[in-house]
Amino acid sequence: MKKTIVSTVLAALLVGAGVSAQEVTFSDRVGAILVTQEATSGSDASFGYLYNRLVGGYQNEMFSIWGRAQVALQSTDQWKNEISLKGNQTWFEFNAAVRPLRFLEFAVGNSFGQELPWSGYELPGAYGYGSDVSYGLRKYSNGNGMTALFRGSGTGVDWLQGLTIGWNSLPLDLIMSMGKSAWKTAVGVNYNLMGKANLSFGGQFDTGDGASQAIGFYAELLAIENMKANLGLTMYTNSSVVDPSGIAGSTTSSFNKTDSGFITMVNTGVQYMLPWFPLYLAADMGIVAGKQTISTTSNGSEVTMMPILVGGLVGMDITEKLYTHVRVTYGDNLASEAARRASEVIISPRLHYKTTKWGELRLDPGFTFITTDSDTNFGFSLGMFWEYKY
């Protein structure tokens, strides 16, 4: 109820501000997961949930504010008795940024801000285009807690124009614990070479006992018209915290990593838009460089694995208002024992219809195939929403 009240107040403030300020944006999304079924043995199809999402923001040269709230009617027992607005599909996010100087910004908030309308708060690292899966450090900051950002473009110095430096100095979990939890900090450095390439470094550091540290390097080529290509490298120390059985997207819940060590992840990707036809293509691959020793929880036997994930995407603008894309990802843990091997295929087609008068209508089905121990289980979901931007 508290989240609902806060989101309602936020929406009212943004709507009221919109009368006098063109910098205000506000949208309302009504949607549902109409049917869903887990890709596990013996699972049944059921209705997912209904939701309403409000998104609003205000931006000018000195100050930005952004928030979104979602209220969802959901159930944890196949819609028998446990029906409520509480649960992981009901949430509230809020972020704000202030720019006291042209080259200096501060952001505070309680979300990872994957849809922030202003740029620069994603501390960059390695990531791919086709599968839309983050392998590196690009989602560590983004207004979660407090982030400071230096923009070279605001200094007036030519050689600093492409430089951005971010520092997530106070993450949210440290603030909520009143300083009692381990201190985590993240840094990111990005340099744009005259619009031809991006070079990035990112790091996440944790002072907790036995914590995993992460360092990432990322390069992006932009010099070829209609094409983007990337190459990334991310390294984890004391990586018992980073379970390699889940990195590739494979469902391997029966595995646990028992020893800590060093893990390196490599990814590469390319995205291309045809200049003579409204079609775009993308593909990427991520792999854990080197075999990892895993033990099962049932009998303690060990197995080696080297998770890999490949993704592809095909998109097309059917008309000016109607467009679609199909995304396919394949993850495999490449285990050394056939009986311990697990793989996952996810097919995600989407159909969008946009008009300036009625907003956007989107149909979002998904299909999942998980293979473990020579058995294949099938799961699916069907979602749709209508969103109107005021």
Protein backbone atom coordinates (compact mmCIF):
# COMPACT_ATOMS: atom_id res chain seq x y z
CA MET A 1 0.00 0.00 0.00
CA LYS A 2 2.86 2.37 0.80
CA LYS A 3 4.41 1.80 -2.63
CA THR A 4 1.05 2.45 -4.27
CA ILE A 5 0.62 5.75 -2.44
CA VAL A 6 4.14 6.89 -3.33
CA SER A 7 3.71 6.02 -7.00
CA THR A 8 0.34 7.83 -7.12
CA VAL A 9 1.85 10.98 -5.60
CA LEU A 10 4.74 10.83 -8.05
CA ALA A 11 2.40 10.50 -10.99
CA ALA A 12 0.25 13.41 -9.79
CA LEU A 13 3.26 15.67 -9.38
CA LEU A 14 4.58 14.85 -12.82
CA VAL A 15 1.21 15.34 -14.48
CA GLY A 16 0.80 18.69 -12.76
CA ALA A 17 4.28 19.80 -13.76
CA GLY A 18 3.55 18.89 -17.36
CA VAL A 19 1.16 21.83 -17.67
CA SER A 20 4.01 24.30 -17.35
CA ALA A 21 7.12 22.40 -18.43
CA GLN A 22 7.87 20.72 -21.72
CA GLU A 23 10.76 18.84 -20.09
CA VAL A 24 8.33 16.57 -18.24
CA THR A 25 7.66 13.07 -19.60
CA PHE A 26 4.98 10.74 -18.34
CA SER A 27 3.64 7.39 -19.52
CA ASP A 28 1.26 4.74 -18.30
CA ARG A 29 1.55 1.06 -19.22
CA VAL A 30 -1.22 -1.50 -18.68
CA GLY A 31 -0.26 -5.09 -19.34
CA ALA A 32 -0.48 -8.73 -18.42
CA ILE A 33 1.39 -12.00 -18.63
CA LEU A 34 -1.61 -13.87 -19.97
CA VAL A 35 -0.24 -17.38 -19.65
CA THR A 36 3.00 -18.87 -18.39
CA GLN A 37 4.53 -22.28 -17.80
CA GLU A 38 7.92 -23.08 -16.31
CA ALA A 39 10.29 -25.25 -18.32
CA THR A 40 10.39 -27.94 -15.65
CA SER A 41 9.03 -31.45 -15.49
CA GLY A 42 5.38 -31.67 -14.41
CA SER A 43 4.71 -27.91 -14.49
CA ASP A 44 1.30 -26.63 -15.59
CA ALA A 45 0.28 -23.54 -17.50
CA SER A 46 -1.40 -20.79 -15.52
CA PHE A 47 -2.31 -17.12 -15.70
CA GLY A 48 0.66 -14.88 -14.97
CA TYR A 49 -0.23 -11.46 -13.56
CA LEU A 50 -1.85 -8.12 -14.33
CA TYR A 51 0.13 -4.93 -13.88
CA ASN A 52 0.04 -1.17 -14.26
CA ARG A 53 3.30 0.75 -14.62
CA LEU A 54 3.73 4.51 -14.30
CA VAL A 55 6.91 6.19 -15.55
CA GLY A 56 7.67 9.87 -15.21
CA GLY A 57 10.56 12.29 -15.31
CA TYR A 58 11.70 15.88 -15.51
CA GLN A 59 14.95 17.16 -17.00
CA ASN A 60 16.74 20.44 -17.57
CA GLU A 61 20.37 21.52 -17.71
CA MET A 62 20.85 21.56 -13.94
CA PHE A 63 18.53 18.89 -12.59
CA SER A 64 16.91 15.58 -13.59
CA ILE A 65 14.37 13.41 -11.80
CA TRP A 66 12.99 10.07 -12.90
CA GLY A 67 10.81 7.41 -11.32
CA ARG A 68 8.71 4.43 -12.17
CA ALA A 69 6.31 2.33 -10.13
CA GLN A 70 4.58 -0.91 -10.92
CA VAL A 71 1.61 -2.42 -9.11
CA ALA A 72 0.73 -6.00 -10.04
CA LEU A 73 -2.04 -8.38 -9.12
CA GLN A 74 -0.31 -11.74 -8.75
CA SER A 75 -0.54 -15.13 -7.09
CA THR A 76 1.89 -17.67 -5.67
CA ASP A 77 -0.46 -20.69 -5.62
CA GLN A 78 -1.94 -20.92 -9.13
CA TRP A 79 -4.61 -18.30 -8.33
CA LYS A 80 -6.33 -20.33 -5.61
CA ASN A 81 -5.99 -18.41 -2.33
CA GLU A 82 -2.76 -16.39 -2.37
CA ILE A 83 -3.77 -13.39 -4.51
CA SER A 84 -2.40 -9.96 -3.67
CA LEU A 85 -0.63 -6.83 -4.87
CA LYS A 86 2.52 -7.81 -2.99
CA GLY A 87 5.41 -9.75 -4.48
CA ASN A 88 8.36 -9.35 -6.81
CA GLN A 89 6.23 -7.82 -9.59
CA THR A 90 5.24 -4.82 -7.47
CA TRP A 91 8.06 -2.33 -7.06
CA PHE A 92 9.07 1.33 -6.98
CA GLU A 93 12.21 3.01 -8.37
CA PHE A 94 13.37 6.59 -8.07
CA ASN A 95 16.47 8.42 -9.32
CA ALA A 96 17.59 12.04 -9.40
CA ALA A 97 20.64 13.79 -10.81
CA VAL A 98 22.03 17.26 -10.17
CA ARG A 99 24.70 19.07 -12.21
CA PRO A 100 26.30 21.87 -10.12
CA LEU A 101 29.00 22.27 -12.79
CA ARG A 102 28.90 21.51 -16.49
CA PHE A 103 31.44 18.71 -16.07
CA LEU A 104 30.28 17.30 -12.70
CA GLU A 105 27.10 15.35 -11.91
CA PHE A 106 25.73 13.46 -8.92
CA ALA A 107 22.98 10.86 -9.03
CA VAL A 108 21.07 9.25 -6.16
CA GLY A 109 18.40 6.59 -6.30
CA ASN A 110 17.19 3.13 -5.39
CA SER A 111 17.32 1.36 -8.74
CA PHE A 112 19.85 0.13 -11.24
CA GLY A 113 18.22 2.45 -13.76
CA GLN A 114 18.33 0.33 -16.88
CA GLU A 115 15.84 2.72 -18.49
CA LEU A 116 17.17 6.05 -17.22
CA PRO A 117 16.35 8.75 -19.78
CA TRP A 118 19.67 10.54 -19.25
CA SER A 119 22.99 8.93 -20.16
CA GLY A 120 26.31 8.40 -18.46
CA TYR A 121 25.45 6.54 -15.26
CA GLU A 122 26.10 3.08 -16.63
CA LEU A 123 29.65 2.31 -15.58
CA PRO A 124 30.78 0.55 -18.74
CA GLY A 125 32.23 -2.89 -19.24
CA ALA A 126 31.87 -5.80 -21.62
CA TYR A 127 28.47 -6.65 -23.03
CA GLY A 128 26.91 -8.10 -26.15
CA TYR A 129 24.32 -6.94 -28.65
CA GLY A 130 22.51 -10.02 -29.89
CA SER A 131 21.58 -11.76 -26.66
CA ASP A 132 21.05 -8.61 -24.58
CA VAL A 133 22.89 -10.31 -21.71
CA SER A 134 25.36 -8.30 -19.65
CA TYR A 135 28.67 -10.10 -19.21
CA GLY A 136 30.62 -7.24 -17.70
CA LEU A 137 30.22 -4.24 -15.48
CA ARG A 138 27.78 -1.96 -17.24
CA LYS A 139 24.94 -2.43 -14.69
CA TYR A 140 26.83 -1.85 -11.45
CA SER A 141 26.11 1.82 -10.86
CA ASN A 142 23.23 3.65 -12.54
CA GLY A 143 21.96 5.67 -9.61
CA ASN A 144 21.90 2.73 -7.19
CA GLY A 145 22.81 4.63 -4.04
CA MET A 146 25.03 7.59 -4.97
CA THR A 147 27.12 7.98 -8.10
CA ALA A 148 29.45 10.80 -9.10
CA LEU A 149 30.11 11.43 -12.78
CA PHE A 150 32.75 13.51 -14.54
CA ARG A 151 32.00 14.54 -18.13
CA GLY A 152 34.91 15.79 -20.19
CA SER A 153 32.50 17.36 -22.65
CA GLY A 154 31.72 20.05 -20.08
CA THR A 155 35.33 21.17 -19.55
CA GLY A 156 35.88 22.89 -22.90
CA VAL A 157 39.19 21.04 -23.28
CA ASP A 158 39.43 19.34 -26.69
CA TRP A 159 41.25 16.17 -25.66
CA LEU A 160 38.80 15.61 -22.77
CA GLN A 161 35.65 15.83 -24.92
CA GLY A 162 35.17 12.05 -25.15
CA LEU A 163 36.07 11.17 -21.56
CA THR A 164 33.55 10.03 -18.92
CA ILE A 165 34.51 8.84 -15.42
CA GLY A 166 31.96 7.39 -13.02
CA TRP A 167 32.25 6.39 -9.36
CA ASN A 168 29.51 4.61 -7.44
CA SER A 169 30.71 5.58 -3.98
CA LEU A 170 27.69 4.70 -1.83
CA PRO A 171 25.75 1.65 -3.03
CA LEU A 172 22.21 1.17 -1.79
CA ASP A 173 22.82 -1.85 0.46
CA LEU A 174 25.48 0.06 2.42
CA ILE A 175 23.12 2.99 2.93
CA MET A 176 20.23 0.78 4.06
CA SER A 177 22.45 -1.02 6.58
CA MET A 178 23.60 2.33 8.03
CA GLY A 179 27.19 1.50 7.16
CA LYS A 180 27.18 -1.94 8.80
CA SER A 181 27.48 -4.04 5.64
CA ALA A 182 30.64 -4.45 3.60
CA TRP A 183 31.58 -1.42 1.51
CA LYS A 184 31.22 -1.96 -2.22
CA THR A 185 32.35 0.55 -4.78
CA ALA A 186 32.39 0.61 -8.55
CA VAL A 187 34.34 2.73 -11.04
CA GLY A 188 34.01 3.16 -14.76
CA VAL A 189 36.07 5.01 -17.36
CA ASN A 190 34.97 5.49 -20.96
CA TYR A 191 36.66 7.33 -23.81
CA ASN A 192 35.00 7.98 -27.16
CA LEU A 193 37.48 8.39 -30.01
CA MET A 194 35.80 11.01 -32.20
CA GLY A 195 32.72 8.82 -32.69
CA LYS A 196 34.78 6.03 -34.25
CA ALA A 197 35.31 3.80 -31.20
CA ASN A 198 34.66 3.47 -27.47
CA LEU A 199 37.28 2.23 -25.02
CA SER A 200 36.09 1.35 -21.52
CA PHE A 201 37.30 0.09 -18.17
CA GLY A 202 35.08 -0.94 -15.27
CA GLY A 203 35.70 -2.37 -11.83
CA GLN A 204 33.62 -3.48 -8.86
CA PHE A 205 35.32 -3.88 -5.50
CA ASP A 206 33.98 -5.34 -2.26
CA THR A 207 35.60 -5.14 1.19
CA GLY A 208 33.63 -8.09 2.57
CA ASP A 209 35.41 -11.27 3.68
CA GLY A 210 35.79 -13.67 0.77
CA ALA A 211 34.11 -11.24 -1.63
CA SER A 212 34.58 -11.42 -5.35
CA GLN A 213 36.21 -8.51 -7.15
CA ALA A 214 35.56 -7.79 -10.82
CA ILE A 215 37.48 -5.93 -13.52
CA GLY A 216 36.30 -5.46 -17.08
CA PHE A 217 37.73 -4.07 -20.33
CA TYR A 218 35.61 -3.27 -23.34
CA ALA A 219 36.20 -1.96 -26.86
CA GLU A 220 33.53 -0.96 -29.36
CA LEU A 221 34.09 -0.20 -33.04
CA LEU A 222 31.78 2.44 -34.57
CA ALA A 223 33.78 3.53 -37.62
CA ILE A 224 31.86 1.43 -40.16
CA GLU A 225 28.53 2.90 -41.20
CA ASN A 226 25.43 1.01 -39.96
CA MET A 227 27.58 -1.39 -37.91
CA LYS A 228 28.69 -1.80 -34.31
CA ALA A 229 31.17 -4.43 -33.16
CA ASN A 230 32.49 -5.11 -29.68
CA LEU A 231 35.00 -7.16 -27.74
CA GLY A 232 35.01 -7.51 -23.97
CA LEU A 233 36.99 -9.19 -21.21
CA THR A 234 35.81 -9.49 -17.60
CA MET A 235 37.82 -11.06 -14.78
CA TYR A 236 36.53 -12.20 -11.39
CA THR A 237 38.71 -13.01 -8.38
CA ASN A 238 37.64 -15.27 -5.52
CA SER A 239 34.87 -16.36 -7.86
CA SER A 240 33.01 -18.72 -5.56
CA VAL A 241 30.61 -15.76 -5.35
CA VAL A 242 30.17 -15.82 -9.13
CA ASP A 243 28.67 -19.23 -9.85
CA PRO A 244 29.88 -20.21 -13.35
CA SER A 245 27.02 -22.67 -13.70
CA GLY A 246 24.64 -19.73 -14.15
CA ILE A 247 26.77 -17.45 -16.29
CA ALA A 248 25.80 -19.01 -19.60
CA GLY A 249 22.09 -18.94 -18.95
CA SER A 250 21.85 -22.71 -18.67
CA THR A 251 19.60 -24.13 -15.97
CA THR A 252 22.07 -25.99 -13.79
CA SER A 253 20.66 -25.55 -10.31
CA SER A 254 22.02 -28.95 -9.30
CA PHE A 255 25.55 -27.58 -9.48
CA ASN A 256 27.43 -25.52 -6.93
CA LYS A 257 30.97 -24.19 -7.09
CA THR A 258 32.79 -25.26 -3.95
CA ASP A 259 36.23 -23.74 -4.41
CA SER A 260 37.11 -20.11 -4.98
CA GLY A 261 39.35 -19.07 -7.82
CA PHE A 262 39.84 -16.86 -10.83
CA ILE A 263 37.31 -16.70 -13.67
CA THR A 264 37.73 -14.90 -16.98
CA MET A 265 34.82 -14.23 -19.30
CA VAL A 266 35.20 -13.22 -22.95
CA ASN A 267 32.51 -11.89 -25.23
CA THR A 268 32.25 -10.48 -28.72
CA GLY A 269 29.32 -9.16 -30.72
CA VAL A 270 28.29 -7.41 -33.91
CA GLN A 271 25.19 -5.49 -34.96
CA TYR A 272 24.39 -4.37 -38.53
CA MET A 273 21.52 -2.48 -40.11
CA LEU A 274 21.01 -2.98 -43.84
CA PRO A 275 21.19 0.40 -45.62
CA TRP A 276 18.86 -0.63 -48.44
CA PHE A 277 16.22 -2.59 -46.51
CA PRO A 278 14.55 -2.05 -43.09
CA LEU A 279 16.25 -5.09 -41.55
CA TYR A 280 18.82 -5.30 -38.77
CA LEU A 281 20.87 -8.28 -37.63
CA ALA A 282 22.87 -8.93 -34.48
CA ALA A 283 24.87 -11.79 -32.97
CA ASP A 284 27.12 -12.24 -29.98
CA MET A 285 28.91 -14.88 -27.98
CA GLY A 286 30.11 -15.08 -24.39
CA ILE A 287 32.21 -17.86 -22.90
CA VAL A 288 33.93 -18.61 -19.62
CA ALA A 289 37.59 -18.94 -20.60
CA GLY A 290 38.75 -22.18 -19.08
CA LYS A 291 37.11 -25.15 -17.41
CA GLN A 292 35.59 -24.79 -13.95
CA THR A 293 35.40 -27.55 -11.35
CA ILE A 294 31.87 -28.02 -10.02
CA SER A 295 30.48 -30.45 -7.46
CA THR A 296 26.88 -31.67 -7.28
CA THR A 297 24.82 -31.14 -4.16
CA SER A 298 23.45 -34.69 -4.12
CA ASN A 299 26.49 -36.94 -3.95
CA GLY A 300 29.46 -34.59 -3.97
CA SER A 301 30.86 -35.89 -7.28
CA GLU A 302 32.82 -33.40 -9.34
CA VAL A 303 32.45 -32.37 -12.96
CA THR A 304 34.18 -29.79 -15.11
CA MET A 305 32.30 -27.28 -17.22
CA MET A 306 32.91 -24.26 -19.45
CA PRO A 307 29.68 -22.26 -19.89
CA ILE A 308 28.98 -20.61 -23.25
CA LEU A 309 26.16 -18.40 -24.46
CA VAL A 310 25.41 -17.37 -28.04
CA GLY A 311 22.65 -15.09 -29.15
CA GLY A 312 21.16 -13.81 -32.38
CA LEU A 313 18.56 -11.27 -33.33
CA VAL A 314 16.66 -10.41 -36.52
CA GLY A 315 14.48 -7.32 -36.66
CA MET A 316 12.45 -5.64 -39.37
CA ASP A 317 10.35 -2.51 -39.78
CA ILE A 318 7.26 -3.91 -41.51
CA THR A 319 5.65 -0.48 -41.84
CA GLU A 320 6.31 2.92 -40.31
CA LYS A 321 4.11 1.97 -37.34
CA LEU A 322 4.55 -1.81 -37.20
CA TYR A 323 7.85 -3.54 -36.50
CA THR A 324 9.05 -6.84 -35.11
CA HIS A 325 12.13 -8.71 -33.99
CA VAL A 326 12.99 -12.27 -33.06
CA ARG A 327 15.70 -13.01 -30.51
CA VAL A 328 17.21 -16.47 -29.97
CA THR A 329 19.72 -17.39 -27.27
CA TYR A 330 21.43 -20.70 -26.64
CA GLY A 331 23.29 -21.46 -23.42
CA ASP A 332 25.27 -24.61 -22.66
CA ASN A 333 27.43 -25.46 -19.67
CA LEU A 334 29.62 -27.78 -21.83
CA ALA A 335 30.02 -30.20 -18.94
CA SER A 336 32.55 -32.98 -19.35
CA GLU A 337 30.05 -35.70 -18.35
CA ALA A 338 27.11 -36.16 -20.71
CA ALA A 339 24.72 -36.87 -17.84
CA ARG A 340 25.69 -33.59 -16.16
CA ARG A 341 25.27 -31.45 -19.24
CA ALA A 342 22.56 -28.79 -19.38
CA SER A 343 21.48 -26.43 -22.14
CA GLU A 344 18.80 -23.84 -22.67
CA VAL A 345 17.23 -22.33 -25.78
CA ILE A 346 15.07 -19.21 -25.51
CA ILE A 347 13.10 -17.87 -28.47
CA SER A 348 11.60 -14.41 -27.97
CA PRO A 349 9.60 -12.89 -30.84
CA ARG A 350 8.07 -9.45 -30.34
CA LEU A 351 5.54 -7.47 -32.31
CA HIS A 352 5.21 -3.70 -31.80
CA TYR A 353 2.55 -1.37 -33.11
CA LYS A 354 3.08 2.34 -32.49
CA THR A 355 0.90 5.32 -33.25
CA THR A 356 1.21 8.92 -32.11
CA LYS A 357 -2.43 8.96 -31.05
CA TRP A 358 -2.89 5.66 -29.21
CA GLY A 359 0.62 4.91 -27.98
CA GLU A 360 2.27 1.50 -28.29
CA LEU A 361 0.75 -1.98 -28.28
CA ARG A 362 3.17 -4.89 -27.91
CA LEU A 363 2.72 -8.65 -28.09
CA ASP A 364 5.52 -10.49 -26.30
CA PRO A 365 5.52 -14.32 -26.45
CA GLY A 366 8.43 -16.47 -25.32
CA PHE A 367 9.43 -20.11 -25.65
CA THR A 368 12.02 -21.98 -23.58
CA PHE A 369 13.58 -25.42 -24.08
CA ILE A 370 15.76 -26.79 -21.26
CA THR A 371 17.65 -30.05 -21.66
CA THR A 372 19.13 -31.79 -18.60
CA ASP A 373 20.08 -35.44 -18.10
CA SER A 374 18.80 -36.34 -21.58
CA ASP A 375 15.34 -34.88 -20.85
CA THR A 376 13.92 -31.82 -22.56
CA ASN A 377 11.32 -29.63 -20.87
CA PHE A 378 9.29 -26.94 -22.62
CA GLY A 379 8.09 -23.67 -21.15
CA PHE A 380 6.34 -20.66 -22.59
CA SER A 381 4.76 -17.34 -21.79
CA LEU A 382 2.54 -14.82 -23.55
CA GLY A 383 2.56 -11.22 -22.51
CA MET A 384 1.15 -8.02 -23.92
CA PHE A 385 0.84 -4.38 -22.93
CA TRP A 386 -0.51 -1.03 -24.03
CA GLU A 387 1.50 2.08 -23.21
CA TYR A 388 0.48 5.69 -23.67
CA LYS A 389 2.90 8.59 -23.42
CA TYR A 390 1.36 11.88 -22.31
